[in-house]
N, C-alpha and C. Protein backbone atom coordinates (compact mmCIF):
# COMPACT_ATOMS: atom_id res chain seq x y z
N UNK A 1 0.72 -1.06 -0.19
CA UNK A 1 0.04 -0.14 0.07
C UNK A 1 0.59 1.41 -0.16
N UNK A 2 1.19 2.17 -0.94
CA UNK A 2 1.09 3.16 -0.54
C UNK A 2 0.47 4.31 0.20
N UNK A 3 1.60 5.03 1.04
CA UNK A 3 1.65 5.53 2.44
C UNK A 3 1.50 6.70 1.99
N UNK A 4 0.01 7.31 2.27
CA UNK A 4 -0.17 9.05 1.61
C UNK A 4 0.93 9.87 2.86
N UNK A 5 0.56 11.07 2.13
CA UNK A 5 1.49 12.25 3.70
C UNK A 5 0.73 12.04 4.84
N UNK A 6 1.66 12.26 5.62
CA UNK A 6 0.89 12.72 7.07
C UNK A 6 0.88 14.96 7.20
N UNK A 7 -0.19 14.61 7.31
CA UNK A 7 -0.68 15.82 8.11
C UNK A 7 -0.84 16.00 9.11
N UNK A 8 -0.91 17.65 9.72
CA UNK A 8 -2.31 18.43 10.64
C UNK A 8 -3.87 17.85 10.66
N UNK A 9 -4.18 17.91 12.21
CA UNK A 9 -5.31 17.55 11.74
C UNK A 9 -6.15 18.71 10.90
N UNK A 10 -5.69 20.27 11.14
CA UNK A 10 -6.49 21.41 10.33
C UNK A 10 -6.69 20.70 8.99
N UNK A 11 -5.09 20.37 8.33
CA UNK A 11 -5.07 19.97 7.02
C UNK A 11 -6.39 19.15 6.92
N UNK A 12 -6.19 17.93 7.79
CA UNK A 12 -6.86 16.89 7.36
C UNK A 12 -8.15 16.77 7.35
N UNK A 13 -8.58 18.05 8.06
CA UNK A 13 -9.90 18.23 8.52
C UNK A 13 -10.45 19.17 6.90
N UNK A 14 -9.48 20.59 6.41
CA UNK A 14 -10.12 20.65 5.35
C UNK A 14 -9.65 19.86 4.12
N UNK A 15 -8.89 18.76 4.04
CA UNK A 15 -8.87 18.36 2.87
C UNK A 15 -10.63 17.30 3.07
N UNK A 16 -10.86 16.97 4.16
CA UNK A 16 -11.61 16.02 4.73
C UNK A 16 -12.96 16.63 3.94
N UNK A 17 -13.18 18.10 3.91
CA UNK A 17 -14.58 18.60 3.66
C UNK A 17 -14.74 18.69 2.61
N UNK A 18 -13.12 19.25 1.80
CA UNK A 18 -13.27 19.12 0.18
C UNK A 18 -13.82 17.93 -0.36
N UNK A 19 -12.59 17.26 0.51
CA UNK A 19 -14.28 15.56 -0.55
C UNK A 19 -15.39 15.09 -0.13
N UNK A 20 -15.72 15.63 1.48
CA UNK A 20 -17.12 15.76 1.86
C UNK A 20 -17.57 16.47 0.63
N UNK A 21 -17.85 17.42 0.36
CA UNK A 21 -18.76 18.40 -1.04
C UNK A 21 -18.52 17.46 -1.95
N UNK A 22 -17.38 16.31 -2.65
CA UNK A 22 -17.53 15.50 -3.52
C UNK A 22 -18.32 14.59 -3.21
N UNK A 23 -18.26 13.75 -2.14
CA UNK A 23 -19.21 13.02 -1.87
C UNK A 23 -20.64 12.83 -1.49
N UNK A 24 -20.88 14.41 -1.59
CA UNK A 24 -22.11 14.82 -1.49
C UNK A 24 -22.62 14.98 -2.94
N UNK A 25 -22.11 15.93 -3.10
CA UNK A 25 -22.19 15.85 -5.34
C UNK A 25 -22.32 14.20 -5.96
N UNK A 26 -21.74 13.55 -5.23
CA UNK A 26 -21.98 11.97 -5.49
C UNK A 26 -23.13 11.61 -5.25
N UNK A 27 -23.67 11.94 -4.25
CA UNK A 27 -25.17 11.47 -3.38
C UNK A 27 -26.11 12.28 -4.62
N UNK A 28 -25.90 13.02 -4.70
CA UNK A 28 -27.17 13.98 -5.83
C UNK A 28 -27.25 13.84 -6.50
N UNK A 29 -25.70 13.69 -7.40
CA UNK A 29 -25.95 12.46 -8.49
C UNK A 29 -26.74 11.14 -9.18
N UNK A 30 -26.26 10.12 -7.46
CA UNK A 30 -26.96 9.22 -7.36
C UNK A 30 -27.96 9.14 -7.29
N UNK A 31 -28.98 10.50 -6.72
CA UNK A 31 -30.23 10.52 -6.40
C UNK A 31 -30.83 10.76 -7.72
N UNK A 32 -30.26 11.63 -8.33
CA UNK A 32 -30.76 12.01 -9.54
C UNK A 32 -30.91 10.66 -10.54
N UNK A 33 -29.43 9.90 -10.74
CA UNK A 33 -29.74 8.79 -11.62
C UNK A 33 -30.76 8.02 -10.84
N UNK A 34 -31.15 7.47 -9.66
CA UNK A 34 -32.20 7.13 -9.05
C UNK A 34 -33.90 7.54 -9.22
N UNK A 35 -33.94 8.46 -9.51
CA UNK A 35 -35.24 9.43 -10.38
C UNK A 35 -35.20 8.73 -11.31
N UNK A 36 -34.07 9.00 -12.58
CA UNK A 36 -34.23 8.83 -13.88
C UNK A 36 -34.83 7.34 -14.19
N UNK A 37 -33.77 6.08 -13.42
CA UNK A 37 -34.06 4.90 -13.45
C UNK A 37 -35.97 4.05 -12.98
N UNK A 38 -36.14 5.28 -11.92
CA UNK A 38 -37.45 5.09 -11.85
C UNK A 38 -38.88 5.49 -13.25
N UNK A 39 -37.76 6.30 -13.78
CA UNK A 39 -38.62 6.83 -14.88
C UNK A 39 -38.50 5.64 -16.07
N UNK A 40 -37.44 4.96 -15.85
CA UNK A 40 -37.56 4.22 -17.51
C UNK A 40 -39.20 3.30 -17.25
N UNK A 41 -39.19 3.36 -18.71
CA UNK A 41 -39.88 2.49 -19.41
C UNK A 41 -40.25 1.53 -18.62
N UNK A 42 -41.60 0.07 -18.93
CA UNK A 42 -41.91 -0.72 -18.30
C UNK A 42 -41.70 -1.79 -19.49
N UNK A 43 -41.40 -2.95 -19.39
CA UNK A 43 -41.22 -3.62 -20.37
C UNK A 43 -42.69 -4.88 -20.60
N UNK A 44 -43.31 -5.43 -21.05
CA UNK A 44 -44.53 -6.48 -20.35
C UNK A 44 -43.31 -7.52 -20.81
N UNK A 45 -44.02 -8.63 -19.83
CA UNK A 45 -43.09 -9.61 -20.16
C UNK A 45 -44.10 -10.88 -19.96
N UNK A 46 -45.39 -10.95 -19.87
CA UNK A 46 -46.22 -11.62 -19.97
C UNK A 46 -46.03 -12.78 -21.08
N UNK A 47 -45.74 -12.30 -22.16
CA UNK A 47 -45.54 -12.42 -23.25
C UNK A 47 -44.55 -13.59 -23.29
N UNK A 48 -43.07 -13.45 -22.87
CA UNK A 48 -41.96 -13.48 -22.78
C UNK A 48 -42.48 -15.04 -21.80
N UNK A 49 -43.02 -14.59 -20.62
CA UNK A 49 -43.14 -15.72 -19.53
C UNK A 49 -44.66 -16.56 -20.12
N UNK A 50 -44.97 -16.61 -20.88
CA UNK A 50 -46.10 -17.48 -21.47
C UNK A 50 -45.08 -18.44 -22.58
N UNK A 51 -44.27 -17.58 -23.37
CA UNK A 51 -43.53 -18.37 -24.07
C UNK A 51 -42.65 -19.47 -23.99
N UNK A 52 -42.05 -19.17 -22.33
CA UNK A 52 -40.92 -19.88 -21.40
C UNK A 52 -42.07 -20.69 -20.61
N UNK A 53 -43.38 -21.06 -20.34
CA UNK A 53 -44.14 -21.66 -20.00
C UNK A 53 -43.57 -21.39 -18.17
N UNK A 54 -43.16 -20.03 -18.25
CA UNK A 54 -42.74 -20.06 -16.40
C UNK A 54 -43.94 -19.92 -15.80
N UNK A 55 -44.19 -21.01 -14.73
CA UNK A 55 -45.51 -20.94 -13.68
C UNK A 55 -45.30 -20.63 -12.30
N UNK A 56 -44.25 -20.00 -11.98
CA UNK A 56 -43.45 -20.24 -11.04
C UNK A 56 -43.91 -18.35 -10.16
N UNK A 57 -44.11 -18.20 -9.14
CA UNK A 57 -44.13 -16.57 -8.43
C UNK A 57 -42.45 -16.60 -8.66
N UNK A 58 -43.17 -14.70 -8.98
CA UNK A 58 -42.18 -13.92 -9.40
C UNK A 58 -41.11 -13.77 -8.27
N UNK A 59 -39.75 -14.42 -7.74
CA UNK A 59 -39.41 -14.42 -6.22
C UNK A 59 -37.86 -14.71 -6.54
N UNK A 60 -37.73 -15.98 -7.13
CA UNK A 60 -36.87 -16.70 -7.16
C UNK A 60 -36.34 -17.20 -8.45
N UNK A 61 -35.32 -17.18 -8.75
CA UNK A 61 -34.51 -17.91 -9.90
C UNK A 61 -34.21 -19.17 -9.99
N UNK A 62 -34.22 -19.87 -8.41
CA UNK A 62 -33.90 -21.18 -8.35
C UNK A 62 -35.07 -22.21 -9.35
N UNK A 63 -33.69 -23.10 -9.62
CA UNK A 63 -34.67 -23.93 -10.25
C UNK A 63 -35.52 -23.88 -11.71
N UNK A 64 -34.98 -23.00 -12.42
CA UNK A 64 -35.40 -22.68 -13.77
C UNK A 64 -34.60 -22.11 -14.75
N UNK A 65 -34.67 -21.59 -15.62
CA UNK A 65 -33.94 -21.07 -16.64
C UNK A 65 -33.41 -19.60 -16.61
N UNK A 66 -34.56 -19.44 -15.71
CA UNK A 66 -34.37 -17.71 -15.27
C UNK A 66 -33.08 -16.82 -15.68
N UNK A 67 -32.26 -16.92 -14.99
CA UNK A 67 -30.68 -17.17 -14.92
C UNK A 67 -30.17 -16.88 -16.39
N UNK A 68 -30.50 -17.64 -17.13
CA UNK A 68 -30.21 -17.98 -18.75
C UNK A 68 -30.59 -16.73 -19.56
N UNK A 69 -31.94 -16.69 -19.48
CA UNK A 69 -32.56 -15.70 -20.17
C UNK A 69 -33.06 -14.09 -20.09
N UNK A 70 -32.49 -13.48 -18.68
CA UNK A 70 -31.62 -13.17 -18.22
C UNK A 70 -30.14 -12.55 -18.06
N UNK A 71 -29.50 -13.78 -19.15
CA UNK A 71 -28.02 -13.29 -19.18
C UNK A 71 -27.84 -13.24 -18.19
N UNK A 72 -27.29 -13.94 -17.02
CA UNK A 72 -26.14 -14.19 -15.73
C UNK A 72 -26.04 -15.23 -15.52
N UNK A 73 -26.27 -16.42 -15.99
CA UNK A 73 -25.71 -17.63 -16.10
C UNK A 73 -25.64 -18.25 -17.41
N UNK A 74 -24.67 -19.06 -17.41
CA UNK A 74 -23.83 -19.45 -18.72
C UNK A 74 -23.74 -21.25 -18.48
N UNK A 75 -23.72 -21.56 -19.68
CA UNK A 75 -23.36 -23.34 -19.51
C UNK A 75 -21.64 -23.28 -19.79
N UNK A 76 -21.06 -24.28 -19.33
CA UNK A 76 -19.97 -24.43 -19.29
C UNK A 76 -19.60 -24.40 -21.36
N UNK A 77 -20.26 -25.12 -22.13
CA UNK A 77 -19.73 -24.96 -23.22
C UNK A 77 -20.22 -23.23 -24.05
N UNK A 78 -21.29 -22.68 -23.38
CA UNK A 78 -20.97 -21.13 -23.57
C UNK A 78 -19.79 -20.16 -23.27
N UNK A 79 -19.28 -20.80 -22.37
CA UNK A 79 -18.49 -19.97 -22.13
C UNK A 79 -16.92 -20.52 -22.59
N UNK A 80 -16.49 -21.79 -22.71
CA UNK A 80 -15.78 -22.20 -23.28
C UNK A 80 -15.48 -21.83 -25.04
N UNK A 81 -16.59 -21.82 -25.38
CA UNK A 81 -16.84 -20.78 -26.68
C UNK A 81 -16.80 -19.77 -27.04
N UNK A 82 -16.83 -18.87 -25.24
CA UNK A 82 -16.89 -17.33 -25.63
C UNK A 82 -18.39 -16.78 -25.99
N UNK A 83 -19.42 -17.74 -26.21
CA UNK A 83 -20.40 -16.95 -26.98
C UNK A 83 -21.83 -16.49 -25.75
N UNK A 84 -21.36 -15.46 -24.87
CA UNK A 84 -21.79 -14.86 -23.70
C UNK A 84 -21.99 -13.68 -23.93
N UNK A 85 -23.18 -12.82 -23.10
CA UNK A 85 -24.01 -11.75 -23.87
C UNK A 85 -24.32 -11.70 -21.98
N UNK A 86 -23.25 -10.30 -21.29
CA UNK A 86 -23.47 -9.76 -19.91
C UNK A 86 -23.05 -8.33 -19.99
N UNK A 87 -23.85 -8.02 -19.36
CA UNK A 87 -24.18 -6.16 -18.78
C UNK A 87 -24.38 -5.99 -20.25
N UNK A 88 -25.24 -6.18 -21.32
CA UNK A 88 -25.60 -5.62 -22.55
C UNK A 88 -24.31 -5.74 -23.54
N UNK A 89 -23.69 -6.43 -23.17
CA UNK A 89 -22.51 -6.70 -24.43
C UNK A 89 -22.07 -8.28 -24.40
N UNK A 90 -21.76 -8.66 -25.92
CA UNK A 90 -21.00 -10.09 -25.56
C UNK A 90 -20.26 -10.36 -25.49
N UNK A 91 -19.41 -11.66 -25.10
CA UNK A 91 -18.41 -11.97 -24.90
C UNK A 91 -18.07 -11.64 -23.21
N UNK A 92 -18.51 -11.65 -22.45
CA UNK A 92 -17.98 -11.01 -20.72
C UNK A 92 -19.34 -11.77 -20.31
N UNK A 93 -18.26 -12.60 -19.01
CA UNK A 93 -19.14 -12.92 -18.33
C UNK A 93 -18.32 -13.48 -16.90
N UNK A 94 -18.68 -14.02 -15.43
CA UNK A 94 -18.02 -13.91 -14.58
C UNK A 94 -18.28 -15.94 -14.35
N UNK A 95 -18.33 -15.98 -15.31
CA UNK A 95 -18.35 -17.44 -14.66
C UNK A 95 -19.57 -17.71 -14.88
N UNK A 96 -19.94 -19.20 -14.82
CA UNK A 96 -21.43 -20.15 -15.11
C UNK A 96 -22.56 -19.10 -14.34
N UNK A 97 -21.99 -18.48 -12.87
CA UNK A 97 -22.75 -17.99 -12.43
C UNK A 97 -22.54 -16.45 -12.34
N UNK A 98 -22.93 -15.30 -13.32
CA UNK A 98 -22.31 -13.84 -13.03
C UNK A 98 -23.50 -12.90 -12.24
N UNK A 99 -22.77 -12.21 -11.04
CA UNK A 99 -23.92 -11.72 -10.95
C UNK A 99 -24.72 -10.35 -11.38
N UNK A 100 -25.96 -10.35 -10.82
CA UNK A 100 -27.27 -9.31 -11.63
C UNK A 100 -28.35 -9.56 -10.59
N UNK A 101 -28.76 -8.12 -11.29
CA UNK A 101 -30.44 -8.34 -10.38
C UNK A 101 -30.92 -7.82 -11.63
N UNK A 102 -32.34 -7.95 -11.50
CA UNK A 102 -33.59 -7.78 -11.97
C UNK A 102 -34.98 -7.68 -11.76
N UNK A 103 -35.58 -6.11 -11.74
CA UNK A 103 -36.31 -5.60 -10.64
C UNK A 103 -37.68 -5.59 -12.09
N UNK A 104 -39.03 -6.37 -10.89
CA UNK A 104 -40.09 -6.45 -11.60
C UNK A 104 -41.15 -6.01 -10.95
N UNK A 105 -41.96 -5.29 -11.42
CA UNK A 105 -43.70 -4.97 -10.68
C UNK A 105 -44.97 -5.49 -11.46
N UNK A 106 -45.55 -5.61 -10.37
CA UNK A 106 -47.16 -5.60 -11.25
C UNK A 106 -48.32 -4.98 -10.76
N UNK A 107 -48.66 -4.48 -12.09
CA UNK A 107 -49.97 -3.37 -11.21
C UNK A 107 -50.83 -3.88 -11.33
N UNK A 108 -52.05 -3.22 -11.00
CA UNK A 108 -53.19 -3.51 -10.50
C UNK A 108 -53.80 -4.59 -11.07
N UNK A 109 -53.98 -4.63 -12.27
CA UNK A 109 -54.44 -5.40 -13.28
C UNK A 109 -53.71 -7.27 -12.83
N UNK A 110 -53.15 -6.81 -12.92
CA UNK A 110 -51.78 -8.36 -12.11
C UNK A 110 -50.30 -8.39 -13.23
N UNK A 111 -50.84 -7.19 -14.26
CA UNK A 111 -49.67 -7.77 -15.63
C UNK A 111 -48.59 -7.18 -15.02
N UNK A 112 -47.58 -7.79 -15.23
CA UNK A 112 -45.82 -7.82 -14.92
C UNK A 112 -45.10 -7.44 -15.43
N UNK A 113 -44.35 -6.42 -15.48
CA UNK A 113 -43.23 -5.67 -16.16
C UNK A 113 -42.19 -5.98 -15.61
N UNK A 114 -41.20 -5.52 -16.74
CA UNK A 114 -39.70 -6.07 -16.14
C UNK A 114 -38.85 -4.78 -16.31
N UNK A 115 -39.03 -3.89 -15.32
CA UNK A 115 -38.58 -1.96 -15.25
C UNK A 115 -36.71 -2.45 -15.06
N UNK A 116 -35.81 -2.94 -14.60
CA UNK A 116 -34.87 -3.03 -14.33
C UNK A 116 -33.91 -3.78 -14.67
N UNK A 117 -32.74 -3.72 -14.69
CA UNK A 117 -31.33 -5.33 -15.03
C UNK A 117 -30.59 -4.17 -14.79
N UNK A 118 -29.83 -4.49 -13.85
CA UNK A 118 -28.59 -4.26 -13.92
C UNK A 118 -27.04 -5.24 -13.38
N UNK A 119 -26.00 -5.32 -13.72
CA UNK A 119 -24.89 -6.27 -13.78
C UNK A 119 -23.51 -5.54 -13.28
N UNK A 120 -22.87 -6.17 -12.83
CA UNK A 120 -20.67 -5.93 -12.64
C UNK A 120 -20.73 -5.18 -10.97
N UNK A 121 -20.24 -4.02 -11.95
CA UNK A 121 -20.04 -2.95 -10.87
C UNK A 121 -21.29 -2.16 -10.31
N UNK A 122 -22.34 -2.02 -11.27
CA UNK A 122 -23.32 -1.68 -10.79
C UNK A 122 -24.36 -1.70 -9.63
N UNK A 123 -23.65 -3.09 -9.22
CA UNK A 123 -24.49 -3.72 -8.14
C UNK A 123 -23.27 -3.51 -6.88
N UNK A 124 -22.63 -2.95 -6.86
CA UNK A 124 -22.25 -2.87 -5.44
C UNK A 124 -22.36 -2.25 -4.79
N UNK A 125 -23.38 -1.00 -4.74
CA UNK A 125 -24.23 -0.43 -3.29
C UNK A 125 -25.17 -2.08 -2.66
N UNK A 126 -25.02 -3.31 -3.11
CA UNK A 126 -25.98 -3.96 -2.61
C UNK A 126 -24.80 -4.53 -1.71
N UNK A 127 -23.44 -4.90 -1.98
CA UNK A 127 -22.96 -5.78 -0.76
C UNK A 127 -21.91 -4.52 -0.37
N UNK A 128 -22.30 -4.91 0.91
CA UNK A 128 -22.12 -4.00 2.49
C UNK A 128 -20.63 -3.71 2.71
N UNK A 129 -20.02 -5.33 1.77
CA UNK A 129 -18.24 -5.88 2.25
C UNK A 129 -17.90 -4.30 1.07
N UNK A 130 -18.36 -4.08 -0.26
CA UNK A 130 -17.55 -2.89 -0.69
C UNK A 130 -17.73 -1.52 -0.26
N UNK A 131 -18.53 -1.14 0.21
CA UNK A 131 -18.64 0.00 1.16
C UNK A 131 -17.81 -0.25 1.97
N UNK A 132 -17.61 -0.46 2.99
CA UNK A 132 -16.74 -0.76 3.76
C UNK A 132 -15.35 -1.07 3.57
N UNK A 133 -15.29 -1.51 2.67
CA UNK A 133 -13.77 -1.44 1.61
C UNK A 133 -13.36 -0.52 1.41
N UNK A 134 -14.17 0.35 0.82
CA UNK A 134 -14.14 1.36 -0.07
C UNK A 134 -14.06 2.99 1.06
N UNK A 135 -14.00 2.38 2.37
CA UNK A 135 -13.97 3.19 2.94
C UNK A 135 -12.02 3.10 3.93
N UNK A 136 -11.62 1.83 3.56
CA UNK A 136 -10.43 1.69 4.09
C UNK A 136 -9.05 2.29 3.34
N UNK A 137 -8.30 2.00 3.95
CA UNK A 137 -7.34 2.34 3.26
C UNK A 137 -6.36 1.93 1.80
N UNK A 138 -6.48 0.19 2.08
CA UNK A 138 -6.54 -0.19 0.97
C UNK A 138 -7.77 -0.69 -0.06
N UNK A 139 -8.42 0.38 -0.08
CA UNK A 139 -9.47 0.25 -0.62
C UNK A 139 -9.77 -1.57 -0.96
N UNK A 140 -10.56 -1.65 -1.86
CA UNK A 140 -10.83 -2.99 -2.50
C UNK A 140 -9.35 -3.85 -2.75
N UNK A 141 -8.55 -3.29 -2.79
CA UNK A 141 -7.04 -3.75 -3.55
C UNK A 141 -7.28 -4.97 -4.71
N UNK A 142 -8.14 -4.37 -5.70
CA UNK A 142 -8.44 -4.90 -6.78
C UNK A 142 -6.99 -5.46 -7.66
N UNK A 143 -6.27 -4.51 -7.51
CA UNK A 143 -5.39 -4.50 -8.28
C UNK A 143 -4.82 -5.77 -8.20
N UNK A 144 -4.89 -6.16 -6.96
CA UNK A 144 -3.75 -7.41 -6.88
C UNK A 144 -4.29 -8.50 -7.33
N UNK A 145 -5.44 -8.70 -7.81
CA UNK A 145 -6.48 -9.38 -8.27
C UNK A 145 -6.24 -9.93 -9.47
N UNK A 146 -6.41 -11.23 -10.04
CA UNK A 146 -6.75 -11.51 -11.39
C UNK A 146 -7.94 -11.02 -11.64
N UNK A 147 -8.96 -10.85 -11.32
CA UNK A 147 -10.08 -9.89 -11.26
C UNK A 147 -11.31 -9.35 -10.43
N UNK A 148 -11.75 -8.45 -10.52
CA UNK A 148 -12.25 -7.44 -9.54
C UNK A 148 -13.08 -8.07 -8.34
N UNK A 149 -13.59 -9.40 -8.97
CA UNK A 149 -14.08 -10.05 -8.20
C UNK A 149 -13.59 -11.54 -7.52
N UNK A 150 -12.26 -11.38 -7.98
CA UNK A 150 -11.83 -12.62 -7.53
C UNK A 150 -11.78 -12.92 -6.13
N UNK A 151 -11.64 -12.26 -5.20
CA UNK A 151 -11.94 -12.79 -3.44
C UNK A 151 -13.68 -12.99 -3.12
N UNK A 152 -14.14 -13.15 -3.96
CA UNK A 152 -15.84 -13.25 -3.63
C UNK A 152 -15.88 -14.90 -3.79
N UNK A 153 -16.04 -15.47 -3.16
CA UNK A 153 -16.33 -16.73 -3.36
C UNK A 153 -17.81 -17.58 -2.32
N UNK A 154 -18.49 -18.78 -2.54
CA UNK A 154 -19.30 -19.60 -1.81
C UNK A 154 -18.64 -20.03 -0.15
N UNK A 155 -18.85 -19.58 0.73
CA UNK A 155 -18.69 -19.89 2.06
C UNK A 155 -17.48 -21.24 1.97
N UNK A 156 -17.99 -21.94 1.25
CA UNK A 156 -16.84 -23.25 1.05
C UNK A 156 -16.10 -23.29 0.02
N UNK A 157 -15.79 -22.35 -0.18
CA UNK A 157 -14.89 -22.32 -1.62
C UNK A 157 -13.58 -21.50 -0.83
N UNK A 158 -13.50 -21.18 0.01
CA UNK A 158 -12.32 -20.43 0.81
C UNK A 158 -11.27 -21.57 1.48
N UNK A 159 -10.09 -21.20 1.46
CA UNK A 159 -8.96 -22.27 1.32
C UNK A 159 -9.48 -21.96 3.22
N UNK A 160 -8.91 -22.98 3.75
CA UNK A 160 -9.06 -23.12 5.54
C UNK A 160 -8.15 -22.22 6.25
N UNK A 161 -8.31 -21.22 7.45
CA UNK A 161 -7.62 -20.69 8.24
C UNK A 161 -6.56 -20.76 8.73
N UNK A 162 -5.27 -20.49 8.69
CA UNK A 162 -4.34 -21.30 9.40
C UNK A 162 -3.88 -21.51 10.84
């Protein structure tokens, strides 16, 4: 880790207040983007649901093709051939199960709409660990990893503790 310069408390506070203004601007920008996101048009998915034969409650993607349909799950053959479509572009994926979230709503008539999908870094706000790491001196230390999410594993995939 590169060691930053040492400053007096007054210098630190002055620089911290300058950064705070940027953080507030970022928060206001995020609020504006969130407002725009809420105004995105809705996409009717009932025909696609019927075509796929989906008859499950719209709360889980377990044991169905949903992850494939919304471009977050891939077969080993797709990965080997580079035939993936992720984050709105071809040829990118983070393995068989790539991170993503899709949002849906149902109107008063029961019609279901797809309102939003987000992938990769767009999900950072949902990972509390990232929010904490971004506050630390080393940050995420992603520059030392083969890929930005290389440290994320299922609980039983980490090496045993020493």
